[in-house]
């Protein structure tokens, strides 16, 4: 989730060579937790872009996209990787959107 501790982490440990940023922004609906929250359970593409900037990332690696989607329980946002790439086009850090099973050398 997006929170105010990105600045603290950057101040204490940054800048970071690489930041793994969840970008799927799912909303979750647990049967015993009603009404469901409209807020994403993890970062969406726009929030991940800001988090990578605040952390001083040299490379941002989007994760948790094109994975699980369970209608009515774990609803991910479609095409988040494209939104992330569009949002990061003006940033100063690199983006490494990897296919499943691929790796990156830092």
Protein backbone atom coordinates (compact mmCIF):
# COMPACT_ATOMS: atom_id res chain seq x y z
CA UNK A 1 0.00 0.00 0.00
CA UNK A 2 1.10 3.56 -0.51
CA UNK A 3 2.17 5.14 2.74
CA UNK A 4 4.36 7.89 4.15
CA UNK A 5 7.32 5.69 5.01
CA UNK A 6 8.87 5.78 1.52
CA UNK A 7 10.74 8.94 2.53
CA UNK A 8 12.01 7.32 5.73
CA UNK A 9 13.22 4.23 3.87
CA UNK A 10 14.94 6.41 1.26
CA UNK A 11 16.60 8.53 3.94
CA UNK A 12 17.84 5.54 5.95
CA UNK A 13 18.74 3.07 3.21
CA UNK A 14 18.62 4.81 -0.18
CA UNK A 15 19.22 5.42 -2.89
CA UNK A 16 18.36 1.94 -4.13
CA UNK A 17 19.93 0.13 -7.08
CA UNK A 18 16.63 -1.60 -7.82
CA UNK A 19 13.11 -1.37 -6.44
CA UNK A 20 10.56 -4.16 -6.99
CA UNK A 21 7.24 -2.38 -7.33
CA UNK A 22 3.90 -4.22 -7.23
CA UNK A 23 1.75 -2.51 -9.83
CA UNK A 24 -1.48 -4.52 -10.15
CA UNK A 25 -3.49 -2.46 -7.64
CA UNK A 26 -5.98 -5.20 -6.74
CA UNK A 27 -9.10 -4.61 -4.74
CA UNK A 28 -9.99 -7.48 -2.47
CA UNK A 29 -13.31 -8.61 -1.07
CA UNK A 30 -13.11 -11.05 1.80
CA UNK A 31 -16.47 -12.67 2.62
CA UNK A 32 -16.30 -11.75 6.31
CA UNK A 33 -15.15 -8.17 5.65
CA UNK A 34 -18.10 -6.25 4.32
CA UNK A 35 -18.49 -3.83 2.75
CA UNK A 36 -15.37 -4.38 0.63
CA UNK A 37 -12.77 -1.64 0.52
CA UNK A 38 -12.52 0.31 -2.74
CA UNK A 39 -8.81 0.98 -2.06
CA UNK A 40 -6.16 -1.17 -3.71
CA UNK A 41 -4.48 -3.78 -1.51
CA UNK A 42 -1.12 -3.02 -3.12
CA UNK A 43 0.30 -0.30 -5.34
CA UNK A 44 -1.22 0.58 -8.67
CA UNK A 45 0.89 1.83 -11.59
CA UNK A 46 0.76 5.50 -10.60
CA UNK A 47 1.58 4.86 -6.96
CA UNK A 48 4.46 2.54 -7.92
CA UNK A 49 5.89 5.27 -10.14
CA UNK A 50 5.91 7.74 -7.25
CA UNK A 51 7.28 5.17 -4.77
CA UNK A 52 10.23 4.33 -7.06
CA UNK A 53 11.00 8.04 -7.41
CA UNK A 54 10.79 8.67 -3.66
CA UNK A 55 13.06 5.68 -2.96
CA UNK A 56 15.70 6.99 -5.35
CA UNK A 57 15.56 3.88 -7.53
CA UNK A 58 18.10 3.43 -10.29
CA UNK A 59 15.94 0.69 -11.80
CA UNK A 60 12.24 0.01 -11.16
CA UNK A 61 11.09 -3.57 -11.71
CA UNK A 62 7.30 -3.94 -11.86
CA UNK A 63 5.97 -7.11 -10.21
CA UNK A 64 2.61 -8.80 -9.49
CA UNK A 65 0.99 -7.99 -12.82
CA UNK A 66 -0.61 -10.38 -15.32
CA UNK A 67 -1.07 -12.87 -12.50
CA UNK A 68 -4.00 -14.00 -10.45
CA UNK A 69 -7.40 -12.44 -10.97
CA UNK A 70 -10.39 -13.92 -9.18
CA UNK A 71 -13.63 -12.12 -10.01
CA UNK A 72 -15.33 -10.68 -6.96
CA UNK A 73 -12.49 -11.62 -4.60
CA UNK A 74 -9.14 -10.44 -6.01
CA UNK A 75 -9.84 -7.98 -8.81
CA UNK A 76 -6.70 -6.73 -10.53
CA UNK A 77 -6.60 -3.80 -12.89
CA UNK A 78 -6.13 -4.76 -16.52
CA UNK A 79 -3.05 -3.60 -18.44
CA UNK A 80 -1.23 -2.09 -15.45
CA UNK A 81 2.19 -2.69 -17.00
CA UNK A 82 1.33 -0.39 -19.92
CA UNK A 83 0.10 2.27 -17.49
CA UNK A 84 3.31 1.87 -15.47
CA UNK A 85 5.47 2.24 -18.58
CA UNK A 86 3.51 5.35 -19.64
CA UNK A 87 3.74 6.87 -16.15
CA UNK A 88 7.48 6.24 -15.89
CA UNK A 89 8.40 7.60 -19.32
CA UNK A 90 9.41 10.99 -17.85
CA UNK A 91 11.21 9.55 -14.80
CA UNK A 92 14.96 9.54 -14.28
CA UNK A 93 15.16 5.84 -13.45
CA UNK A 94 15.25 2.84 -15.76
CA UNK A 95 12.37 0.40 -15.95
CA UNK A 96 12.90 -3.33 -16.40
CA UNK A 97 9.56 -5.00 -17.17
CA UNK A 98 10.54 -8.65 -17.21
CA UNK A 99 8.65 -11.58 -18.68
CA UNK A 100 7.95 -14.49 -16.36
CA UNK A 101 11.10 -16.58 -15.88
CA UNK A 102 13.48 -13.84 -17.05
CA UNK A 103 16.06 -12.11 -14.87
CA UNK A 104 18.04 -8.92 -14.64
CA UNK A 105 21.68 -8.31 -13.77
CA UNK A 106 22.40 -5.27 -11.63
